[in-house]
N, C-alpha and C. Protein backbone atom coordinates (compact mmCIF):
# COMPACT_ATOMS: atom_id res chain seq x y z
N MET A 1 22.55 4.06 29.31
CA MET A 1 22.89 3.85 27.95
C MET A 1 22.34 5.04 27.20
N GLU A 2 23.27 5.62 26.48
CA GLU A 2 23.11 6.87 25.47
C GLU A 2 22.42 6.44 24.24
N GLN A 3 21.35 7.15 23.90
CA GLN A 3 20.62 6.92 22.64
C GLN A 3 21.24 7.68 21.47
N GLN A 4 21.59 7.29 20.46
CA GLN A 4 22.04 7.95 19.30
C GLN A 4 21.04 8.52 18.50
N LEU A 5 20.93 9.95 18.40
CA LEU A 5 19.87 10.44 17.56
C LEU A 5 20.35 10.82 16.08
N PHE A 6 21.59 11.48 16.03
CA PHE A 6 22.02 12.00 14.72
C PHE A 6 23.48 11.49 14.61
N PRO A 7 24.06 11.26 13.44
CA PRO A 7 23.39 10.81 12.17
C PRO A 7 23.20 9.37 12.49
N PRO A 8 22.27 8.71 11.70
CA PRO A 8 22.16 7.19 11.84
C PRO A 8 23.39 6.38 11.36
N ASP A 9 23.63 5.31 11.89
CA ASP A 9 24.69 4.36 11.64
C ASP A 9 24.61 4.00 10.20
N GLN A 10 25.57 4.15 9.25
CA GLN A 10 25.43 3.74 7.98
C GLN A 10 25.23 2.41 7.66
N SER A 11 26.07 1.52 8.44
CA SER A 11 25.67 0.03 8.42
C SER A 11 24.47 -0.37 8.69
N ALA A 12 23.92 0.28 9.68
CA ALA A 12 22.32 -0.04 10.11
C ALA A 12 21.32 0.37 9.06
N ALA A 13 21.65 1.47 8.34
CA ALA A 13 20.86 1.94 7.21
C ALA A 13 20.76 0.88 6.09
N ARG A 14 22.11 0.53 5.77
CA ARG A 14 22.14 -0.47 4.84
C ARG A 14 21.46 -1.72 5.13
N SER A 15 21.48 -2.28 6.27
CA SER A 15 20.88 -3.53 6.56
C SER A 15 19.36 -3.17 6.67
N ARG A 16 18.97 -2.27 7.16
CA ARG A 16 17.43 -1.72 7.02
C ARG A 16 16.84 -1.75 5.54
N GLY A 17 17.78 -1.16 4.68
CA GLY A 17 17.51 -1.14 3.28
C GLY A 17 17.38 -2.51 2.62
N ALA A 18 18.35 -3.30 3.07
CA ALA A 18 18.32 -4.83 2.43
C ALA A 18 17.07 -5.41 3.06
N ARG A 19 16.56 -5.23 4.19
CA ARG A 19 15.50 -5.87 4.68
C ARG A 19 14.20 -5.36 4.01
N ARG A 20 14.24 -4.10 3.68
CA ARG A 20 12.91 -3.45 2.96
C ARG A 20 12.85 -4.00 1.58
N SER A 21 14.02 -4.30 0.96
CA SER A 21 13.83 -4.79 -0.48
C SER A 21 13.49 -6.13 -0.61
N GLN A 22 13.58 -6.92 0.36
CA GLN A 22 13.11 -8.35 0.44
C GLN A 22 11.59 -8.27 0.49
N ARG A 23 10.96 -9.00 -0.49
CA ARG A 23 9.53 -9.25 -0.48
C ARG A 23 9.14 -10.57 0.00
N ALA A 24 7.97 -10.55 0.52
CA ALA A 24 7.39 -11.76 1.16
C ALA A 24 7.03 -12.62 -0.07
N PRO A 25 6.76 -14.00 -0.10
CA PRO A 25 6.28 -14.63 -1.13
C PRO A 25 4.82 -14.43 -1.34
N ALA A 26 4.66 -14.37 -2.64
CA ALA A 26 3.32 -13.95 -3.11
C ALA A 26 2.25 -15.14 -2.59
N VAL A 27 1.25 -14.44 -1.95
CA VAL A 27 0.20 -15.31 -1.48
C VAL A 27 -1.03 -15.21 -2.37
N PRO A 28 -1.48 -16.41 -2.77
CA PRO A 28 -2.75 -16.39 -3.77
C PRO A 28 -3.87 -15.66 -3.06
N ILE A 29 -4.58 -14.83 -3.80
CA ILE A 29 -5.75 -14.13 -3.26
C ILE A 29 -7.00 -14.65 -4.04
N ASP A 30 -7.99 -15.21 -3.22
CA ASP A 30 -9.21 -15.59 -4.08
C ASP A 30 -10.04 -14.33 -4.58
N ALA A 31 -10.86 -14.59 -5.56
CA ALA A 31 -11.70 -13.50 -5.97
C ALA A 31 -12.48 -12.71 -5.20
N GLU A 32 -13.15 -13.32 -4.12
CA GLU A 32 -13.84 -12.58 -3.09
C GLU A 32 -12.94 -11.61 -2.33
N ARG A 33 -11.87 -12.15 -1.81
CA ARG A 33 -10.98 -11.38 -1.18
C ARG A 33 -10.49 -10.16 -2.00
N ARG A 34 -10.06 -10.47 -3.09
CA ARG A 34 -9.52 -9.32 -4.25
C ARG A 34 -10.62 -8.30 -4.40
N HIS A 35 -11.86 -8.80 -4.44
CA HIS A 35 -13.01 -7.78 -4.76
C HIS A 35 -13.29 -6.97 -3.39
N ARG A 36 -13.20 -7.41 -2.25
CA ARG A 36 -13.16 -6.79 -1.02
C ARG A 36 -12.08 -5.75 -0.95
N MET A 37 -11.00 -6.10 -1.19
CA MET A 37 -9.77 -5.33 -0.99
C MET A 37 -9.88 -4.07 -1.95
N ILE A 38 -10.28 -4.30 -3.34
CA ILE A 38 -10.43 -3.24 -4.18
C ILE A 38 -11.70 -2.30 -3.71
N ALA A 39 -12.78 -2.90 -3.26
CA ALA A 39 -13.97 -2.19 -2.82
C ALA A 39 -13.52 -1.24 -1.75
N GLU A 40 -12.74 -1.81 -0.78
CA GLU A 40 -12.27 -0.89 0.49
C GLU A 40 -11.51 0.13 -0.12
N ALA A 41 -10.48 0.03 -0.92
CA ALA A 41 -9.43 1.08 -1.55
C ALA A 41 -10.39 2.03 -2.22
N ALA A 42 -11.29 1.72 -3.11
CA ALA A 42 -12.24 2.60 -3.71
C ALA A 42 -12.99 3.33 -2.74
N TYR A 43 -13.45 2.96 -1.80
CA TYR A 43 -14.23 3.62 -0.84
C TYR A 43 -13.37 4.54 -0.06
N TYR A 44 -12.05 4.30 0.28
CA TYR A 44 -11.19 5.33 0.82
C TYR A 44 -10.84 6.43 -0.22
N LYS A 45 -10.66 6.12 -1.39
CA LYS A 45 -10.46 7.04 -2.50
C LYS A 45 -11.67 8.07 -2.42
N ALA A 46 -12.88 7.59 -2.44
CA ALA A 46 -13.96 8.51 -2.50
C ALA A 46 -14.16 9.32 -1.26
N LYS A 47 -13.93 8.57 -0.12
CA LYS A 47 -13.89 9.33 1.22
C LYS A 47 -12.81 10.45 1.28
N ASN A 48 -11.75 10.27 0.61
CA ASN A 48 -10.77 11.34 0.82
C ASN A 48 -11.00 12.54 -0.14
N ARG A 49 -11.93 12.26 -1.11
CA ARG A 49 -12.26 13.52 -1.91
C ARG A 49 -13.63 13.93 -1.61
N GLY A 50 -14.20 13.55 -0.40
CA GLY A 50 -15.35 14.11 -0.02
C GLY A 50 -16.68 13.41 -0.55
N PHE A 51 -16.68 12.23 -1.21
CA PHE A 51 -17.61 11.47 -1.70
C PHE A 51 -18.43 12.35 -2.76
N GLY A 52 -17.79 13.02 -3.47
CA GLY A 52 -18.36 13.70 -4.66
C GLY A 52 -18.98 12.70 -5.67
N GLY A 53 -20.04 12.98 -6.24
CA GLY A 53 -20.72 12.02 -6.98
C GLY A 53 -20.11 11.93 -8.33
N GLY A 54 -20.54 10.75 -9.01
CA GLY A 54 -20.08 10.65 -10.42
C GLY A 54 -18.91 10.07 -10.66
N ARG A 55 -18.05 9.79 -9.76
CA ARG A 55 -16.60 9.35 -9.78
C ARG A 55 -16.34 7.68 -9.27
N ASP A 56 -17.47 7.14 -9.09
CA ASP A 56 -17.41 5.85 -8.35
C ASP A 56 -16.61 4.85 -9.18
N MET A 57 -16.99 5.02 -10.64
CA MET A 57 -16.19 4.10 -11.44
C MET A 57 -14.69 4.29 -11.70
N GLN A 58 -14.51 5.62 -11.58
CA GLN A 58 -13.03 6.00 -11.50
C GLN A 58 -12.28 5.61 -10.42
N ASP A 59 -13.07 5.79 -9.30
CA ASP A 59 -12.28 5.11 -7.85
C ASP A 59 -12.02 3.81 -8.03
N TRP A 60 -13.02 3.05 -8.57
CA TRP A 60 -13.01 1.52 -8.60
C TRP A 60 -11.77 1.20 -9.49
N LEU A 61 -11.82 1.78 -10.61
CA LEU A 61 -10.90 1.36 -11.71
C LEU A 61 -9.35 1.76 -11.29
N LEU A 62 -9.16 2.90 -10.58
CA LEU A 62 -7.84 3.30 -10.00
C LEU A 62 -7.38 2.39 -8.72
N ALA A 63 -8.38 2.01 -7.99
CA ALA A 63 -8.00 0.96 -6.98
C ALA A 63 -7.77 -0.09 -7.56
N GLU A 64 -8.45 -0.74 -8.50
CA GLU A 64 -8.15 -2.13 -9.07
C GLU A 64 -6.71 -1.96 -9.79
N GLN A 65 -6.39 -0.89 -10.57
CA GLN A 65 -5.05 -0.86 -11.14
C GLN A 65 -3.92 -0.65 -10.05
N GLU A 66 -4.09 0.00 -8.98
CA GLU A 66 -3.19 0.08 -7.78
C GLU A 66 -3.00 -1.49 -7.26
N PHE A 67 -4.06 -2.13 -7.02
CA PHE A 67 -4.13 -3.45 -6.65
C PHE A 67 -3.29 -4.43 -7.43
N GLU A 68 -3.36 -4.33 -8.68
CA GLU A 68 -2.68 -5.14 -9.71
C GLU A 68 -1.38 -4.93 -9.74
N ALA A 69 -0.97 -3.59 -9.55
CA ALA A 69 0.40 -3.17 -9.63
C ALA A 69 1.13 -3.53 -8.21
N GLY A 70 0.34 -3.85 -7.37
CA GLY A 70 0.89 -4.34 -6.01
C GLY A 70 1.12 -2.99 -5.05
N ALA A 71 0.57 -2.00 -5.37
CA ALA A 71 0.65 -0.77 -4.69
C ALA A 71 -0.14 -0.82 -3.21
């Protein structure tokens, strides 16, 4: 069987795009889980910038904003 590398089949690309646009139903997240998820995201933001001091609140607020936006 020969594997097709270039170019991708347009109908396959359209069907993949359709699947990507479908979102799973929203699952309620309790306050404790929400807090843990935001804390983890804020941790990785701090880690990615080398844990430079004084920006922990900024990391938290950005992580919280992204969480609320569904990012």
